[in-house]
Amino acid sequence: MCTYLTEKFAIDGSGKGARGYFPLSEAMVYVDHPQHAPYEHTVNIDFLNPAQGPSARVAVELTEESALALIEAVRLALDLAPPGLASASADAAG
């Protein structure tokens, strides 16, 4: 069942596509039919920069279990690093 519910939010980072790295400005997360993964539905995450056109996109299709494992791994990595180390404000201060 497709929910058509999409979480879209601003991000700040870089992604690597077919033409190399490019700045990222948006991300979207939704549960829907994948384009490539061999499952009926997946958690789809799109990282993109709409100002650079449709090729400035990195897409990820994960099972629910993999998406939850990714969330936990990100939280653990941030918990283990010094607070603020990967923050945009850390670069401005350094």
N, C-alpha and C. Protein backbone atom coordinates (compact mmCIF):
# COMPACT_ATOMS: atom_id res chain seq x y z
N MET A 1 0.83 -1.17 0.00
CA MET A 1 0.00 0.00 0.00
C MET A 1 0.88 1.24 0.00
N CYS A 2 0.70 2.11 -0.94
CA CYS A 2 1.46 3.36 -1.00
C CYS A 2 0.75 4.41 -0.14
N THR A 3 1.52 5.10 0.67
CA THR A 3 0.93 6.10 1.55
C THR A 3 0.91 7.48 0.90
N TYR A 4 1.80 7.71 -0.04
CA TYR A 4 1.98 9.03 -0.67
C TYR A 4 2.38 10.09 0.34
N LEU A 5 2.80 9.68 1.52
CA LEU A 5 3.26 10.61 2.54
C LEU A 5 4.76 10.80 2.36
N THR A 6 5.17 12.03 2.18
CA THR A 6 6.57 12.35 1.93
C THR A 6 7.04 13.38 2.93
N GLU A 7 8.15 13.09 3.58
CA GLU A 7 8.80 14.05 4.46
C GLU A 7 9.89 14.72 3.63
N LYS A 8 9.78 16.03 3.44
CA LYS A 8 10.76 16.79 2.66
C LYS A 8 11.36 17.84 3.58
N PHE A 9 12.69 17.97 3.56
CA PHE A 9 13.34 18.91 4.45
C PHE A 9 14.66 19.40 3.86
N ALA A 10 15.08 20.57 4.32
CA ALA A 10 16.34 21.16 3.87
C ALA A 10 17.51 20.44 4.54
N ILE A 11 18.58 20.26 3.78
CA ILE A 11 19.81 19.66 4.31
C ILE A 11 21.00 20.45 3.82
N ASP A 12 22.14 20.19 4.40
CA ASP A 12 23.39 20.85 4.00
C ASP A 12 24.47 19.78 3.96
N GLY A 13 24.99 19.50 2.79
CA GLY A 13 26.01 18.47 2.64
C GLY A 13 26.37 18.29 1.18
N SER A 14 26.95 17.16 0.85
CA SER A 14 27.35 16.83 -0.51
C SER A 14 26.93 15.41 -0.84
N GLY A 15 26.68 15.17 -2.11
CA GLY A 15 26.36 13.84 -2.59
C GLY A 15 27.19 13.55 -3.83
N LYS A 16 27.36 12.28 -4.14
CA LYS A 16 28.13 11.91 -5.32
C LYS A 16 27.21 11.24 -6.32
N GLY A 17 27.14 11.80 -7.49
CA GLY A 17 26.35 11.25 -8.58
C GLY A 17 27.25 10.82 -9.73
N ALA A 18 26.67 10.60 -10.89
CA ALA A 18 27.41 10.14 -12.06
C ALA A 18 28.49 11.13 -12.50
N ARG A 19 28.28 12.41 -12.22
CA ARG A 19 29.24 13.45 -12.63
C ARG A 19 30.13 13.92 -11.49
N GLY A 20 30.15 13.18 -10.39
CA GLY A 20 30.98 13.55 -9.26
C GLY A 20 30.16 14.18 -8.15
N TYR A 21 30.85 14.83 -7.23
CA TYR A 21 30.19 15.43 -6.07
C TYR A 21 29.45 16.71 -6.43
N PHE A 22 28.37 16.96 -5.71
CA PHE A 22 27.60 18.19 -5.88
C PHE A 22 26.97 18.54 -4.53
N PRO A 23 26.68 19.83 -4.30
CA PRO A 23 26.07 20.22 -3.03
C PRO A 23 24.63 19.73 -2.93
N LEU A 24 24.23 19.31 -1.74
CA LEU A 24 22.86 18.87 -1.49
C LEU A 24 22.11 19.96 -0.74
N SER A 25 20.83 20.14 -1.10
CA SER A 25 20.04 21.17 -0.42
C SER A 25 18.72 20.62 0.12
N GLU A 26 18.27 19.46 -0.35
CA GLU A 26 17.00 18.89 0.08
C GLU A 26 17.12 17.38 0.22
N ALA A 27 16.23 16.84 1.06
CA ALA A 27 16.09 15.39 1.17
C ALA A 27 14.60 15.08 1.29
N MET A 28 14.24 13.90 0.81
CA MET A 28 12.87 13.42 0.91
C MET A 28 12.91 11.98 1.39
N VAL A 29 11.98 11.63 2.27
CA VAL A 29 11.87 10.26 2.76
C VAL A 29 10.41 9.84 2.61
N TYR A 30 10.20 8.65 2.02
CA TYR A 30 8.84 8.16 1.80
C TYR A 30 8.87 6.65 1.65
N VAL A 31 7.73 6.02 1.90
CA VAL A 31 7.58 4.57 1.70
C VAL A 31 6.75 4.38 0.45
N ASP A 32 7.31 3.65 -0.52
CA ASP A 32 6.64 3.50 -1.81
C ASP A 32 7.27 2.32 -2.56
N HIS A 33 6.81 2.10 -3.76
CA HIS A 33 7.41 1.08 -4.61
C HIS A 33 8.80 1.54 -5.02
N PRO A 34 9.79 0.66 -4.94
CA PRO A 34 11.14 1.04 -5.38
C PRO A 34 11.25 1.01 -6.90
N GLN A 35 12.25 1.69 -7.40
CA GLN A 35 12.56 1.64 -8.82
C GLN A 35 13.47 0.45 -9.14
N HIS A 36 14.31 0.06 -8.19
CA HIS A 36 15.30 -0.97 -8.48
C HIS A 36 15.35 -2.10 -7.46
N ALA A 37 15.20 -1.81 -6.19
CA ALA A 37 15.30 -2.85 -5.14
C ALA A 37 14.24 -3.93 -5.36
N PRO A 38 14.57 -5.19 -5.09
CA PRO A 38 13.66 -6.30 -5.38
C PRO A 38 12.59 -6.54 -4.30
N TYR A 39 11.91 -5.49 -3.89
CA TYR A 39 10.87 -5.59 -2.87
C TYR A 39 9.62 -4.88 -3.35
N GLU A 40 8.50 -5.22 -2.76
CA GLU A 40 7.23 -4.57 -3.13
C GLU A 40 7.22 -3.10 -2.70
N HIS A 41 7.73 -2.83 -1.49
CA HIS A 41 7.81 -1.47 -0.97
C HIS A 41 9.15 -1.30 -0.25
N THR A 42 9.65 -0.09 -0.25
CA THR A 42 10.89 0.22 0.47
C THR A 42 10.78 1.60 1.09
N VAL A 43 11.69 1.88 2.00
CA VAL A 43 11.87 3.24 2.51
C VAL A 43 12.81 3.92 1.53
N ASN A 44 12.32 4.93 0.87
CA ASN A 44 13.08 5.61 -0.18
C ASN A 44 13.59 6.95 0.35
N ILE A 45 14.86 7.19 0.14
CA ILE A 45 15.47 8.45 0.56
C ILE A 45 16.12 9.07 -0.66
N ASP A 46 15.72 10.29 -0.97
CA ASP A 46 16.31 11.03 -2.07
C ASP A 46 17.05 12.22 -1.51
N PHE A 47 18.32 12.34 -1.88
CA PHE A 47 19.13 13.50 -1.55
C PHE A 47 19.29 14.27 -2.86
N LEU A 48 19.00 15.56 -2.85
CA LEU A 48 19.03 16.28 -4.13
C LEU A 48 19.35 17.75 -4.01
N ASN A 49 19.61 18.32 -5.19
CA ASN A 49 19.80 19.76 -5.35
C ASN A 49 18.99 20.17 -6.57
N PRO A 50 17.72 20.54 -6.39
CA PRO A 50 16.85 20.87 -7.52
C PRO A 50 17.39 21.97 -8.42
N ALA A 51 18.19 22.88 -7.88
CA ALA A 51 18.74 23.97 -8.68
C ALA A 51 19.70 23.46 -9.76
N GLN A 52 20.23 22.26 -9.58
CA GLN A 52 21.17 21.68 -10.55
C GLN A 52 20.51 20.68 -11.48
N GLY A 53 19.20 20.55 -11.42
CA GLY A 53 18.49 19.67 -12.35
C GLY A 53 18.34 18.25 -11.84
N PRO A 54 17.67 17.39 -12.63
CA PRO A 54 17.33 16.04 -12.19
C PRO A 54 18.53 15.11 -11.99
N SER A 55 19.67 15.41 -12.60
CA SER A 55 20.83 14.53 -12.41
C SER A 55 21.52 14.77 -11.07
N ALA A 56 21.18 15.85 -10.37
CA ALA A 56 21.77 16.14 -9.06
C ALA A 56 20.92 15.48 -7.98
N ARG A 57 20.93 14.14 -8.01
CA ARG A 57 20.10 13.35 -7.10
C ARG A 57 20.82 12.06 -6.75
N VAL A 58 20.75 11.71 -5.48
CA VAL A 58 21.23 10.42 -5.00
C VAL A 58 20.04 9.73 -4.36
N ALA A 59 19.68 8.56 -4.84
CA ALA A 59 18.51 7.84 -4.35
C ALA A 59 18.94 6.57 -3.62
N VAL A 60 18.22 6.27 -2.54
CA VAL A 60 18.48 5.07 -1.75
C VAL A 60 17.14 4.37 -1.50
N GLU A 61 17.09 3.07 -1.70
CA GLU A 61 15.89 2.26 -1.45
C GLU A 61 16.26 1.19 -0.44
N LEU A 62 15.68 1.26 0.76
CA LEU A 62 16.05 0.37 1.85
C LEU A 62 14.85 -0.41 2.37
N THR A 63 15.12 -1.60 2.87
CA THR A 63 14.07 -2.30 3.60
C THR A 63 13.83 -1.55 4.90
N GLU A 64 12.70 -1.81 5.53
CA GLU A 64 12.39 -1.19 6.81
C GLU A 64 13.49 -1.49 7.84
N GLU A 65 13.95 -2.73 7.85
CA GLU A 65 14.98 -3.13 8.81
C GLU A 65 16.29 -2.37 8.55
N SER A 66 16.65 -2.22 7.30
CA SER A 66 17.87 -1.50 6.96
C SER A 66 17.75 -0.02 7.29
N ALA A 67 16.58 0.57 7.06
CA ALA A 67 16.36 1.98 7.38
C ALA A 67 16.49 2.21 8.89
N LEU A 68 15.90 1.32 9.68
CA LEU A 68 15.99 1.46 11.14
C LEU A 68 17.43 1.26 11.62
N ALA A 69 18.16 0.33 11.00
CA ALA A 69 19.57 0.11 11.36
C ALA A 69 20.39 1.35 11.00
N LEU A 70 20.09 1.98 9.89
CA LEU A 70 20.80 3.20 9.50
C LEU A 70 20.55 4.32 10.51
N ILE A 71 19.31 4.48 10.93
CA ILE A 71 18.98 5.50 11.95
C ILE A 71 19.81 5.26 13.20
N GLU A 72 19.86 4.03 13.66
CA GLU A 72 20.61 3.72 14.87
C GLU A 72 22.11 3.93 14.67
N ALA A 73 22.63 3.58 13.52
CA ALA A 73 24.06 3.77 13.25
C ALA A 73 24.43 5.25 13.21
N VAL A 74 23.58 6.08 12.63
CA VAL A 74 23.82 7.52 12.61
C VAL A 74 23.81 8.07 14.03
N ARG A 75 22.81 7.66 14.81
CA ARG A 75 22.75 8.12 16.21
C ARG A 75 23.99 7.68 17.00
N LEU A 76 24.42 6.44 16.82
CA LEU A 76 25.59 5.95 17.53
C LEU A 76 26.84 6.70 17.12
N ALA A 77 27.02 6.91 15.83
CA ALA A 77 28.20 7.64 15.35
C ALA A 77 28.25 9.05 15.92
N LEU A 78 27.09 9.72 15.96
CA LEU A 78 27.04 11.07 16.53
C LEU A 78 27.25 11.06 18.04
N ASP A 79 26.72 10.05 18.71
CA ASP A 79 26.90 9.94 20.16
C ASP A 79 28.37 9.70 20.52
N LEU A 80 29.09 8.97 19.68
CA LEU A 80 30.49 8.64 19.96
C LEU A 80 31.46 9.77 19.61
N ALA A 81 31.05 10.66 18.73
CA ALA A 81 31.90 11.79 18.33
C ALA A 81 31.76 12.93 19.33
N PRO A 82 32.77 13.78 19.42
CA PRO A 82 32.62 14.96 20.29
C PRO A 82 31.42 15.79 19.84
N PRO A 83 30.64 16.31 20.79
CA PRO A 83 29.45 17.09 20.43
C PRO A 83 29.79 18.25 19.49
N GLY A 84 29.00 18.38 18.45
CA GLY A 84 29.16 19.48 17.50
C GLY A 84 30.26 19.31 16.48
N LEU A 85 31.00 18.20 16.50
CA LEU A 85 32.13 18.01 15.59
C LEU A 85 31.72 18.09 14.12
N ALA A 86 30.58 17.54 13.76
CA ALA A 86 30.13 17.53 12.36
C ALA A 86 29.10 18.62 12.08
N SER A 87 28.96 19.57 12.99
CA SER A 87 27.99 20.65 12.84
C SER A 87 28.51 21.72 11.88
N ALA A 88 27.62 22.35 11.15
CA ALA A 88 28.01 23.48 10.29
C ALA A 88 28.65 24.59 11.11
N SER A 89 28.19 24.76 12.35
CA SER A 89 28.76 25.81 13.20
C SER A 89 30.19 25.49 13.60
N ALA A 90 30.58 24.21 13.61
CA ALA A 90 31.95 23.84 13.95
C ALA A 90 32.91 24.35 12.88
N ASP A 91 32.50 24.32 11.61
CA ASP A 91 33.34 24.82 10.53
C ASP A 91 33.48 26.34 10.61
N ALA A 92 32.41 27.02 10.99
CA ALA A 92 32.44 28.48 11.09
C ALA A 92 33.35 28.93 12.23
N ALA A 93 33.37 28.12 13.30
CA ALA A 93 34.18 28.49 14.47
C ALA A 93 35.65 28.15 14.28
N GLY A 94 35.92 27.12 13.41
CA GLY A 94 37.29 26.65 13.26
C GLY A 94 38.00 27.34 12.20
